[in-house]
Amino acid sequence: MTTYVITVPGTFLSDVDDVARSELASRLAPHHTDLSETEDVELLTVHEGGTFSVRLEVEAPDRATAEDEAVRLLASALVELGFSEKDAPLGPPAVTGVDGEF
């Protein structure tokens, strides 16, 4: 298995307060560990205008599986916080870090 850091962009189409941001980061924190912290990568970045990026660490056999898992984790956390796919659409994921044997 390989550890991937996957960046998933998205856009909050409604205002998101600090409490919701903090809760989202808290729910995703277990997927932001050694590799992310070593590389000093922020888990959640929210920009003006509601665009955001989430960086998750995922163990997977390949890039495609890692990207799918990161999107699934983020989408699930958003739904748990009351954000539908229409409230916070996600963009295409990208591998932004890899740690493993090749």
PDB file of N, CA and C in Angstrom:
ATOM      1  N   MET A   1       0.837  -1.182   0.000  1.00  0.00           N
ATOM      2  CA  MET A   1       0.000   0.000   0.000  1.00  0.00           C
ATOM      3  C   MET A   1       0.882   1.245   0.000  1.00  0.00           C
ATOM      4  N   THR A   2       0.357   2.270  -0.570  1.00  0.00           N
ATOM      5  CA  THR A   2       1.050   3.541  -0.665  1.00  0.00           C
ATOM      6  C   THR A   2       0.223   4.605   0.036  1.00  0.00           C
ATOM      7  N   THR A   3       0.885   5.549   0.661  1.00  0.00           N
ATOM      8  CA  THR A   3       0.194   6.673   1.286  1.00  0.00           C
ATOM      9  C   THR A   3       0.204   7.831   0.298  1.00  0.00           C
ATOM     10  N   TYR A   4      -0.983   8.348   0.007  1.00  0.00           N
ATOM     11  CA  TYR A   4      -1.144   9.478  -0.908  1.00  0.00           C
ATOM     12  C   TYR A   4      -1.708  10.668  -0.141  1.00  0.00           C
ATOM     13  N   VAL A   5      -1.259  11.860  -0.486  1.00  0.00           N
ATOM     14  CA  VAL A   5      -1.934  13.073  -0.045  1.00  0.00           C
ATOM     15  C   VAL A   5      -2.736  13.533  -1.254  1.00  0.00           C
ATOM     16  N   ILE A   6      -4.049  13.595  -1.064  1.00  0.00           N
ATOM     17  CA  ILE A   6      -4.959  13.967  -2.143  1.00  0.00           C
ATOM     18  C   ILE A   6      -5.569  15.315  -1.812  1.00  0.00           C
ATOM     19  N   THR A   7      -5.517  16.238  -2.758  1.00  0.00           N
ATOM     20  CA  THR A   7      -6.153  17.538  -2.601  1.00  0.00           C
ATOM     21  C   THR A   7      -7.469  17.519  -3.368  1.00  0.00           C
ATOM     22  N   VAL A   8      -8.532  17.874  -2.650  1.00  0.00           N
ATOM     23  CA  VAL A   8      -9.866  17.932  -3.257  1.00  0.00           C
ATOM     24  C   VAL A   8     -10.363  19.370  -3.142  1.00  0.00           C
ATOM     25  N   PRO A   9     -10.585  20.034  -4.276  1.00  0.00           N
ATOM     26  CA  PRO A   9     -11.109  21.397  -4.238  1.00  0.00           C
ATOM     27  C   PRO A   9     -12.635  21.379  -4.198  1.00  0.00           C
ATOM     28  N   GLY A  10     -13.187  22.476  -3.770  1.00  0.00           N
ATOM     29  CA  GLY A  10     -14.643  22.598  -3.759  1.00  0.00           C
ATOM     30  C   GLY A  10     -15.040  24.039  -3.558  1.00  0.00           C
ATOM     31  N   THR A  11     -16.342  24.259  -3.521  1.00  0.00           N
ATOM     32  CA  THR A  11     -16.876  25.600  -3.317  1.00  0.00           C
ATOM     33  C   THR A  11     -18.075  25.526  -2.396  1.00  0.00           C
ATOM     34  N   PHE A  12     -18.038  26.293  -1.314  1.00  0.00           N
ATOM     35  CA  PHE A  12     -19.219  26.452  -0.470  1.00  0.00           C
ATOM     36  C   PHE A  12     -20.091  27.501  -1.144  1.00  0.00           C
ATOM     37  N   LEU A  13     -21.312  27.124  -1.495  1.00  0.00           N
ATOM     38  CA  LEU A  13     -22.201  28.056  -2.179  1.00  0.00           C
ATOM     39  C   LEU A  13     -23.043  28.880  -1.215  1.00  0.00           C
ATOM     40  N   SER A  14     -22.878  28.637   0.081  1.00  0.00           N
ATOM     41  CA  SER A  14     -23.507  29.456   1.110  1.00  0.00           C
ATOM     42  C   SER A  14     -22.438  29.771   2.151  1.00  0.00           C
ATOM     43  N   ASP A  15     -22.735  30.718   3.013  1.00  0.00           N
ATOM     44  CA  ASP A  15     -21.757  31.102   4.031  1.00  0.00           C
ATOM     45  C   ASP A  15     -21.477  29.931   4.966  1.00  0.00           C
ATOM     46  N   VAL A  16     -20.215  29.792   5.332  1.00  0.00           N
ATOM     47  CA  VAL A  16     -19.787  28.752   6.252  1.00  0.00           C
ATOM     48  C   VAL A  16     -19.102  29.434   7.424  1.00  0.00           C
ATOM     49  N   ASP A  17     -19.657  29.223   8.620  1.00  0.00           N
ATOM     50  CA  ASP A  17     -19.082  29.883   9.791  1.00  0.00           C
ATOM     51  C   ASP A  17     -17.875  29.106  10.326  1.00  0.00           C
ATOM     52  N   ASP A  18     -17.202  29.719  11.275  1.00  0.00           N
ATOM     53  CA  ASP A  18     -15.996  29.119  11.855  1.00  0.00           C
ATOM     54  C   ASP A  18     -16.296  27.792  12.547  1.00  0.00           C
ATOM     55  N   VAL A  19     -17.479  27.669  13.142  1.00  0.00           N
ATOM     56  CA  VAL A  19     -17.852  26.430  13.825  1.00  0.00           C
ATOM     57  C   VAL A  19     -17.939  25.283  12.817  1.00  0.00           C
ATOM     58  N   ALA A  20     -18.581  25.527  11.674  1.00  0.00           N
ATOM     59  CA  ALA A  20     -18.703  24.487  10.643  1.00  0.00           C
ATOM     60  C   ALA A  20     -17.336  24.126  10.074  1.00  0.00           C
ATOM     61  N   ARG A  21     -16.483  25.102   9.864  1.00  0.00           N
ATOM     62  CA  ARG A  21     -15.129  24.836   9.368  1.00  0.00           C
ATOM     63  C   ARG A  21     -14.350  23.983  10.362  1.00  0.00           C
ATOM     64  N   SER A  22     -14.446  24.350  11.616  1.00  0.00           N
ATOM     65  CA  SER A  22     -13.753  23.615  12.664  1.00  0.00           C
ATOM     66  C   SER A  22     -14.267  22.182  12.773  1.00  0.00           C
ATOM     67  N   GLU A  23     -15.572  22.001  12.676  1.00  0.00           N
ATOM     68  CA  GLU A  23     -16.158  20.666  12.753  1.00  0.00           C
ATOM     69  C   GLU A  23     -15.732  19.818  11.549  1.00  0.00           C
ATOM     70  N   LEU A  24     -15.685  20.412  10.366  1.00  0.00           N
ATOM     71  CA  LEU A  24     -15.235  19.687   9.183  1.00  0.00           C
ATOM     72  C   LEU A  24     -13.785  19.243   9.361  1.00  0.00           C
ATOM     73  N   ALA A  25     -12.942  20.148   9.805  1.00  0.00           N
ATOM     74  CA  ALA A  25     -11.534  19.806  10.033  1.00  0.00           C
ATOM     75  C   ALA A  25     -11.408  18.709  11.087  1.00  0.00           C
ATOM     76  N   SER A  26     -12.206  18.784  12.124  1.00  0.00           N
ATOM     77  CA  SER A  26     -12.173  17.779  13.183  1.00  0.00           C
ATOM     78  C   SER A  26     -12.566  16.399  12.656  1.00  0.00           C
ATOM     79  N   ARG A  27     -13.588  16.332  11.822  1.00  0.00           N
ATOM     80  CA  ARG A  27     -14.039  15.054  11.270  1.00  0.00           C
ATOM     81  C   ARG A  27     -13.009  14.443  10.316  1.00  0.00           C
ATOM     82  N   LEU A  28     -12.250  15.293   9.658  1.00  0.00           N
ATOM     83  CA  LEU A  28     -11.265  14.811   8.689  1.00  0.00           C
ATOM     84  C   LEU A  28      -9.864  14.636   9.285  1.00  0.00           C
ATOM     85  N   ALA A  29      -9.672  15.086  10.513  1.00  0.00           N
ATOM     86  CA  ALA A  29      -8.347  15.059  11.151  1.00  0.00           C
ATOM     87  C   ALA A  29      -7.673  13.691  11.149  1.00  0.00           C
ATOM     88  N   PRO A  30      -8.403  12.581  11.308  1.00  0.00           N
ATOM     89  CA  PRO A  30      -7.715  11.284  11.273  1.00  0.00           C
ATOM     90  C   PRO A  30      -7.050  10.974   9.925  1.00  0.00           C
ATOM     91  N   HIS A  31      -7.369  11.747   8.903  1.00  0.00           N
ATOM     92  CA  HIS A  31      -6.794  11.535   7.575  1.00  0.00           C
ATOM     93  C   HIS A  31      -5.786  12.632   7.231  1.00  0.00           C
ATOM     94  N   HIS A  32      -5.203  13.197   8.272  1.00  0.00           N
ATOM     95  CA  HIS A  32      -4.185  14.248   8.123  1.00  0.00           C
ATOM     96  C   HIS A  32      -3.118  13.936   9.155  1.00  0.00           C
ATOM     97  N   THR A  33      -2.202  13.035   8.794  1.00  0.00           N
ATOM     98  CA  THR A  33      -1.262  12.531   9.794  1.00  0.00           C
ATOM     99  C   THR A  33       0.191  12.746   9.390  1.00  0.00           C
ATOM    100  N   ASP A  34       1.009  11.743   9.560  1.00  0.00           N
ATOM    101  CA  ASP A  34       2.462  11.863   9.439  1.00  0.00           C
ATOM    102  C   ASP A  34       2.963  12.576   8.189  1.00  0.00           C
ATOM    103  N   LEU A  35       2.601  12.082   7.020  1.00  0.00           N
ATOM    104  CA  LEU A  35       3.108  12.670   5.784  1.00  0.00           C
ATOM    105  C   LEU A  35       2.661  14.121   5.654  1.00  0.00           C
ATOM    106  N   SER A  36       1.399  14.375   5.920  1.00  0.00           N
ATOM    107  CA  SER A  36       0.872  15.740   5.807  1.00  0.00           C
ATOM    108  C   SER A  36       1.569  16.681   6.780  1.00  0.00           C
ATOM    109  N   GLU A  37       1.740  16.223   8.021  1.00  0.00           N
ATOM    110  CA  GLU A  37       2.363  17.074   9.026  1.00  0.00           C
ATOM    111  C   GLU A  37       3.840  17.295   8.725  1.00  0.00           C
ATOM    112  N   THR A  38       4.529  16.279   8.226  1.00  0.00           N
ATOM    113  CA  THR A  38       5.940  16.411   7.867  1.00  0.00           C
ATOM    114  C   THR A  38       6.113  17.440   6.753  1.00  0.00           C
ATOM    115  N   GLU A  39       5.197  17.419   5.806  1.00  0.00           N
ATOM    116  CA  GLU A  39       5.259  18.347   4.671  1.00  0.00           C
ATOM    117  C   GLU A  39       4.626  19.698   4.997  1.00  0.00           C
ATOM    118  N   ASP A  40       4.126  19.868   6.235  1.00  0.00           N
ATOM    119  CA  ASP A  40       3.492  21.113   6.683  1.00  0.00           C
ATOM    120  C   ASP A  40       2.320  21.513   5.773  1.00  0.00           C
ATOM    121  N   VAL A  41       1.457  20.539   5.508  1.00  0.00           N
ATOM    122  CA  VAL A  41       0.307  20.728   4.627  1.00  0.00           C
ATOM    123  C   VAL A  41      -0.933  21.025   5.474  1.00  0.00           C
ATOM    124  N   GLU A  42      -1.638  22.067   5.140  1.00  0.00           N
ATOM    125  CA  GLU A  42      -2.876  22.414   5.835  1.00  0.00           C
ATOM    126  C   GLU A  42      -3.984  21.440   5.440  1.00  0.00           C
ATOM    127  N   LEU A  43      -4.781  21.007   6.399  1.00  0.00           N
ATOM    128  CA  LEU A  43      -5.891  20.102   6.137  1.00  0.00           C
ATOM    129  C   LEU A  43      -6.988  20.796   5.333  1.00  0.00           C
ATOM    130  N   LEU A  44      -7.403  21.967   5.782  1.00  0.00           N
ATOM    131  CA  LEU A  44      -8.512  22.695   5.149  1.00  0.00           C
ATOM    132  C   LEU A  44      -8.105  24.145   4.945  1.00  0.00           C
ATOM    133  N   THR A  45      -8.262  24.611   3.730  1.00  0.00           N
ATOM    134  CA  THR A  45      -8.023  26.010   3.412  1.00  0.00           C
ATOM    135  C   THR A  45      -9.285  26.545   2.758  1.00  0.00           C
ATOM    136  N   VAL A  46      -9.840  27.626   3.314  1.00  0.00           N
ATOM    137  CA  VAL A  46     -11.032  28.254   2.740  1.00  0.00           C
ATOM    138  C   VAL A  46     -10.630  29.646   2.275  1.00  0.00           C
ATOM    139  N   HIS A  47     -10.938  29.921   1.025  1.00  0.00           N
ATOM    140  CA  HIS A  47     -10.578  31.200   0.414  1.00  0.00           C
ATOM    141  C   HIS A  47     -11.796  32.111   0.342  1.00  0.00           C
ATOM    142  N   GLU A  48     -11.528  33.381   0.085  1.00  0.00           N
ATOM    143  CA  GLU A  48     -12.599  34.340  -0.129  1.00  0.00           C
ATOM    144  C   GLU A  48     -13.453  33.862  -1.301  1.00  0.00           C
ATOM    145  N   GLY A  49     -14.734  34.025  -1.190  1.00  0.00           N
ATOM    146  CA  GLY A  49     -15.622  33.584  -2.254  1.00  0.00           C
ATOM    147  C   GLY A  49     -16.122  32.161  -2.045  1.00  0.00           C
ATOM    148  N   GLY A  50     -15.670  31.516  -0.966  1.00  0.00           N
ATOM    149  CA  GLY A  50     -16.179  30.197  -0.630  1.00  0.00           C
ATOM    150  C   GLY A  50     -15.443  29.021  -1.233  1.00  0.00           C
ATOM    151  N   THR A  51     -14.432  29.267  -2.064  1.00  0.00           N
ATOM    152  CA  THR A  51     -13.680  28.125  -2.589  1.00  0.00           C
ATOM    153  C   THR A  51     -12.824  27.551  -1.466  1.00  0.00           C
ATOM    154  N   PHE A  52     -12.599  26.251  -1.538  1.00  0.00           N
ATOM    155  CA  PHE A  52     -11.805  25.604  -0.500  1.00  0.00           C
ATOM    156  C   PHE A  52     -11.003  24.457  -1.080  1.00  0.00           C
ATOM    157  N   SER A  53     -10.008  24.024  -0.308  1.00  0.00           N
ATOM    158  CA  SER A  53      -9.206  22.856  -0.649  1.00  0.00           C
ATOM    159  C   SER A  53      -9.049  22.030   0.621  1.00  0.00           C
ATOM    160  N   VAL A  54      -9.207  20.731   0.469  1.00  0.00           N
ATOM    161  CA  VAL A  54      -8.993  19.801   1.565  1.00  0.00           C
ATOM    162  C   VAL A  54      -7.895  18.837   1.136  1.00  0.00           C
ATOM    163  N   ARG A  55      -6.949  18.610   2.028  1.00  0.00           N
ATOM    164  CA  ARG A  55      -5.852  17.700   1.746  1.00  0.00           C
ATOM    165  C   ARG A  55      -5.937  16.527   2.708  1.00  0.00           C
ATOM    166  N   LEU A  56      -6.164  15.346   2.152  1.00  0.00           N
ATOM    167  CA  LEU A  56      -6.344  14.140   2.957  1.00  0.00           C
ATOM    168  C   LEU A  56      -5.280  13.113   2.639  1.00  0.00           C
ATOM    169  N   GLU A  57      -4.844  12.422   3.663  1.00  0.00           N
ATOM    170  CA  GLU A  57      -3.900  11.333   3.514  1.00  0.00           C
ATOM    171  C   GLU A  57      -4.698  10.037   3.414  1.00  0.00           C
ATOM    172  N   VAL A  58      -4.431   9.257   2.374  1.00  0.00           N
ATOM    173  CA  VAL A  58      -5.188   8.034   2.120  1.00  0.00           C
ATOM    174  C   VAL A  58      -4.223   6.905   1.776  1.00  0.00           C
ATOM    175  N   GLU A  59      -4.433   5.756   2.387  1.00  0.00           N
ATOM    176  CA  GLU A  59      -3.667   4.543   2.045  1.00  0.00           C
ATOM    177  C   GLU A  59      -4.442   3.821   0.949  1.00  0.00           C
ATOM    178  N   ALA A  60      -3.765   3.528  -0.152  1.00  0.00           N
ATOM    179  CA  ALA A  60      -4.442   2.862  -1.261  1.00  0.00           C
ATOM    180  C   ALA A  60      -3.424   2.156  -2.146  1.00  0.00           C
ATOM    181  N   PRO A  61      -3.910   1.183  -2.931  1.00  0.00           N
ATOM    182  CA  PRO A  61      -2.999   0.465  -3.814  1.00  0.00           C
ATOM    183  C   PRO A  61      -2.584   1.267  -5.051  1.00  0.00           C
ATOM    184  N   ASP A  62      -3.397   2.294  -5.405  1.00  0.00           N
ATOM    185  CA  ASP A  62      -3.085   3.090  -6.594  1.00  0.00           C
ATOM    186  C   ASP A  62      -3.710   4.479  -6.483  1.00  0.00           C
ATOM    187  N   ARG A  63      -3.280   5.350  -7.391  1.00  0.00           N
ATOM    188  CA  ARG A  63      -3.715   6.753  -7.395  1.00  0.00           C
ATOM    189  C   ARG A  63      -5.224   6.891  -7.524  1.00  0.00           C
ATOM    190  N   ALA A  64      -5.823   6.186  -8.454  1.00  0.00           N
ATOM    191  CA  ALA A  64      -7.264   6.319  -8.696  1.00  0.00           C
ATOM    192  C   ALA A  64      -8.081   5.931  -7.466  1.00  0.00           C
ATOM    193  N   THR A  65      -7.684   4.858  -6.814  1.00  0.00           N
ATOM    194  CA  THR A  65      -8.382   4.423  -5.607  1.00  0.00           C
ATOM    195  C   THR A  65      -8.223   5.460  -4.501  1.00  0.00           C
ATOM    196  N   ALA A  66      -7.034   6.032  -4.377  1.00  0.00           N
ATOM    197  CA  ALA A  66      -6.779   7.056  -3.366  1.00  0.00           C
ATOM    198  C   ALA A  66      -7.645   8.292  -3.618  1.00  0.00           C
ATOM    199  N   GLU A  67      -7.716   8.717  -4.860  1.00  0.00           N
ATOM    200  CA  GLU A  67      -8.544   9.886  -5.190  1.00  0.00           C
ATOM    201  C   GLU A  67     -10.010   9.615  -4.888  1.00  0.00           C
ATOM    202  N   ASP A  68     -10.509   8.448  -5.274  1.00  0.00           N
ATOM    203  CA  ASP A  68     -11.904   8.088  -5.004  1.00  0.00           C
ATOM    204  C   ASP A  68     -12.195   8.075  -3.509  1.00  0.00           C
ATOM    205  N   GLU A  69     -11.279   7.511  -2.730  1.00  0.00           N
ATOM    206  CA  GLU A  69     -11.467   7.426  -1.285  1.00  0.00           C
ATOM    207  C   GLU A  69     -11.464   8.815  -0.645  1.00  0.00           C
ATOM    208  N   ALA A  70     -10.580   9.697  -1.088  1.00  0.00           N
ATOM    209  CA  ALA A  70     -10.529  11.054  -0.545  1.00  0.00           C
ATOM    210  C   ALA A  70     -11.831  11.801  -0.828  1.00  0.00           C
ATOM    211  N   VAL A  71     -12.336  11.682  -2.033  1.00  0.00           N
ATOM    212  CA  VAL A  71     -13.608  12.341  -2.380  1.00  0.00           C
ATOM    213  C   VAL A  71     -14.739  11.768  -1.538  1.00  0.00           C
ATOM    214  N   ARG A  72     -14.744  10.447  -1.361  1.00  0.00           N
ATOM    215  CA  ARG A  72     -15.792   9.805  -0.563  1.00  0.00           C
ATOM    216  C   ARG A  72     -15.752  10.295   0.889  1.00  0.00           C
ATOM    217  N   LEU A  73     -14.552  10.352   1.464  1.00  0.00           N
ATOM    218  CA  LEU A  73     -14.401  10.815   2.839  1.00  0.00           C
ATOM    219  C   LEU A  73     -14.874  12.253   3.008  1.00  0.00           C
ATOM    220  N   LEU A  74     -14.472  13.122   2.109  1.00  0.00           N
ATOM    221  CA  LEU A  74     -14.857  14.523   2.191  1.00  0.00           C
ATOM    222  C   LEU A  74     -16.350  14.688   1.974  1.00  0.00           C
ATOM    223  N   ALA A  75     -16.905  14.052   0.955  1.00  0.00           N
ATOM    224  CA  ALA A  75     -18.340  14.169   0.680  1.00  0.00           C
ATOM    225  C   ALA A  75     -19.165  13.681   1.861  1.00  0.00           C
ATOM    226  N   SER A  76     -18.738  12.585   2.468  1.00  0.00           N
ATOM    227  CA  SER A  76     -19.443  12.042   3.635  1.00  0.00           C
ATOM    228  C   SER A  76     -19.411  13.024   4.807  1.00  0.00           C
ATOM    229  N   ALA A  77     -18.250  13.609   5.074  1.00  0.00           N
ATOM    230  CA  ALA A  77     -18.133  14.577   6.168  1.00  0.00           C
ATOM    231  C   ALA A  77     -19.008  15.801   5.910  1.00  0.00           C
ATOM    232  N   LEU A  78     -19.042  16.265   4.670  1.00  0.00           N
ATOM    233  CA  LEU A  78     -19.879  17.415   4.336  1.00  0.00           C
ATOM    234  C   LEU A  78     -21.356  17.107   4.545  1.00  0.00           C
ATOM    235  N   VAL A  79     -21.793  15.938   4.105  1.00  0.00           N
ATOM    236  CA  VAL A  79     -23.201  15.539   4.276  1.00  0.00           C
ATOM    237  C   VAL A  79     -23.544  15.454   5.765  1.00  0.00           C
ATOM    238  N   GLU A  80     -22.643  14.880   6.561  1.00  0.00           N
ATOM    239  CA  GLU A  80     -22.875  14.784   8.006  1.00  0.00           C
ATOM    240  C   GLU A  80     -23.042  16.159   8.643  1.00  0.00           C
ATOM    241  N   LEU A  81     -22.427  17.179   8.054  1.00  0.00           N
ATOM    242  CA  LEU A  81     -22.542  18.544   8.568  1.00  0.00           C
ATOM    243  C   LEU A  81     -23.700  19.314   7.948  1.00  0.00           C
ATOM    244  N   GLY A  82     -24.462  18.653   7.076  1.00  0.00           N
ATOM    245  CA  GLY A  82     -25.643  19.287   6.494  1.00  0.00           C
ATOM    246  C   GLY A  82     -25.425  19.954   5.149  1.00  0.00           C
ATOM    247  N   PHE A  83     -24.289  19.707   4.517  1.00  0.00           N
ATOM    248  CA  PHE A  83     -24.011  20.274   3.197  1.00  0.00           C
ATOM    249  C   PHE A  83     -24.285  19.221   2.131  1.00  0.00           C
ATOM    250  N   SER A  84     -25.248  19.495   1.276  1.00  0.00           N
ATOM    251  CA  SER A  84     -25.519  18.577   0.174  1.00  0.00           C
ATOM    252  C   SER A  84     -24.483  18.792  -0.921  1.00  0.00           C
ATOM    253  N   GLU A  85     -24.501  17.911  -1.903  1.00  0.00           N
ATOM    254  CA  GLU A  85     -23.593  18.049  -3.042  1.00  0.00           C
ATOM    255  C   GLU A  85     -23.823  19.381  -3.762  1.00  0.00           C
ATOM    256  N   LYS A  86     -25.067  19.874  -3.729  1.00  0.00           N
ATOM    257  CA  LYS A  86     -25.388  21.157  -4.371  1.00  0.00           C
ATOM    258  C   LYS A  86     -24.889  22.337  -3.541  1.00  0.00           C
ATOM    259  N   ASP A  87     -24.800  22.163  -2.209  1.00  0.00           N
ATOM    260  CA  ASP A  87     -24.338  23.234  -1.321  1.00  0.00           C
ATOM    261  C   ASP A  87     -22.824  23.405  -1.350  1.00  0.00           C
ATOM    262  N   ALA A  88     -22.111  22.305  -1.631  1.00  0.00           N
ATOM    263  CA  ALA A  88     -20.647  22.333  -1.621  1.00  0.00           C
ATOM    264  C   ALA A  88     -20.130  21.378  -2.697  1.00  0.00           C
ATOM    265  N   PRO A  89     -20.278  21.761  -3.975  1.00  0.00           N
ATOM    266  CA  PRO A  89     -19.784  20.877  -5.040  1.00  0.00           C
ATOM    267  C   PRO A  89     -18.267  20.726  -4.966  1.00  0.00           C
ATOM    268  N   LEU A  90     -17.817  19.524  -5.301  1.00  0.00           N
ATOM    269  CA  LEU A  90     -16.387  19.219  -5.274  1.00  0.00           C
ATOM    270  C   LEU A  90     -15.820  19.179  -6.677  1.00  0.00           C
ATOM    271  N   GLY A  91     -14.563  19.568  -6.793  1.00  0.00           N
ATOM    272  CA  GLY A  91     -13.869  19.511  -8.070  1.00  0.00           C
ATOM    273  C   GLY A  91     -13.072  18.227  -8.170  1.00  0.00           C
ATOM    274  N   PRO A  92     -12.310  18.093  -9.245  1.00  0.00           N
ATOM    275  CA  PRO A  92     -11.511  16.876  -9.443  1.00  0.00           C
ATOM    276  C   PRO A  92     -10.352  16.796  -8.445  1.00  0.00           C
ATOM    277  N   PRO A  93     -10.160  15.631  -7.846  1.00  0.00           N
ATOM    278  CA  PRO A  93      -9.061  15.457  -6.898  1.00  0.00           C
ATOM    279  C   PRO A  93      -7.721  15.366  -7.623  1.00  0.00           C
ATOM    280  N   ALA A  94      -6.657  15.657  -6.881  1.00  0.00           N
ATOM    281  CA  ALA A  94      -5.305  15.558  -7.445  1.00  0.00           C
ATOM    282  C   ALA A  94      -4.345  15.020  -6.390  1.00  0.00           C
ATOM    283  N   VAL A  95      -3.412  14.211  -6.816  1.00  0.00           N
ATOM    284  CA  VAL A  95      -2.370  13.713  -5.925  1.00  0.00           C
ATOM    285  C   VAL A  95      -1.375  14.843  -5.714  1.00  0.00           C
ATOM    286  N   THR A  96      -1.139  15.190  -4.447  1.00  0.00           N
ATOM    287  CA  THR A  96      -0.184  16.255  -4.139  1.00  0.00           C
ATOM    288  C   THR A  96       0.956  15.759  -3.263  1.00  0.00           C
ATOM    289  N   GLY A  97       0.970  14.453  -2.977  1.00  0.00           N
ATOM    290  CA  GLY A  97       2.051  13.863  -2.206  1.00  0.00           C
ATOM    291  C   GLY A  97       1.950  12.347  -2.243  1.00  0.00           C
ATOM    292  N   VAL A  98       3.110  11.679  -2.208  1.00  0.00           N
ATOM    293  CA  VAL A  98       3.150  10.222  -2.234  1.00  0.00           C
ATOM    294  C   VAL A  98       4.270   9.767  -1.317  1.00  0.00           C
ATOM    295  N   ASP A  99       3.979   8.735  -0.535  1.00  0.00           N
ATOM    296  CA  ASP A  99       5.000   8.127   0.319  1.00  0.00           C
ATOM    297  C   ASP A  99       4.788   6.619   0.256  1.00  0.00           C
ATOM    298  N   GLY A 100       5.697   5.927  -0.382  1.00  0.00           N
ATOM    299  CA  GLY A 100       5.568   4.481  -0.487  1.00  0.00           C
ATOM    300  C   GLY A 100       6.643   3.915  -1.390  1.00  0.00           C
ATOM    301  N   GLU A 101       6.606   2.612  -1.521  1.00  0.00           N
ATOM    302  CA  GLU A 101       7.574   1.942  -2.395  1.00  0.00           C
ATOM    303  C   GLU A 101       7.000   1.795  -3.793  1.00  0.00           C
ATOM    304  N   PHE A 102       7.865   1.956  -4.776  1.00  0.00           N
ATOM    305  CA  PHE A 102       7.429   1.861  -6.168  1.00  0.00           C
ATOM    306  C   PHE A 102       8.187   0.803  -6.893  1.00  0.00           C
TER     307      PHE A 102
END
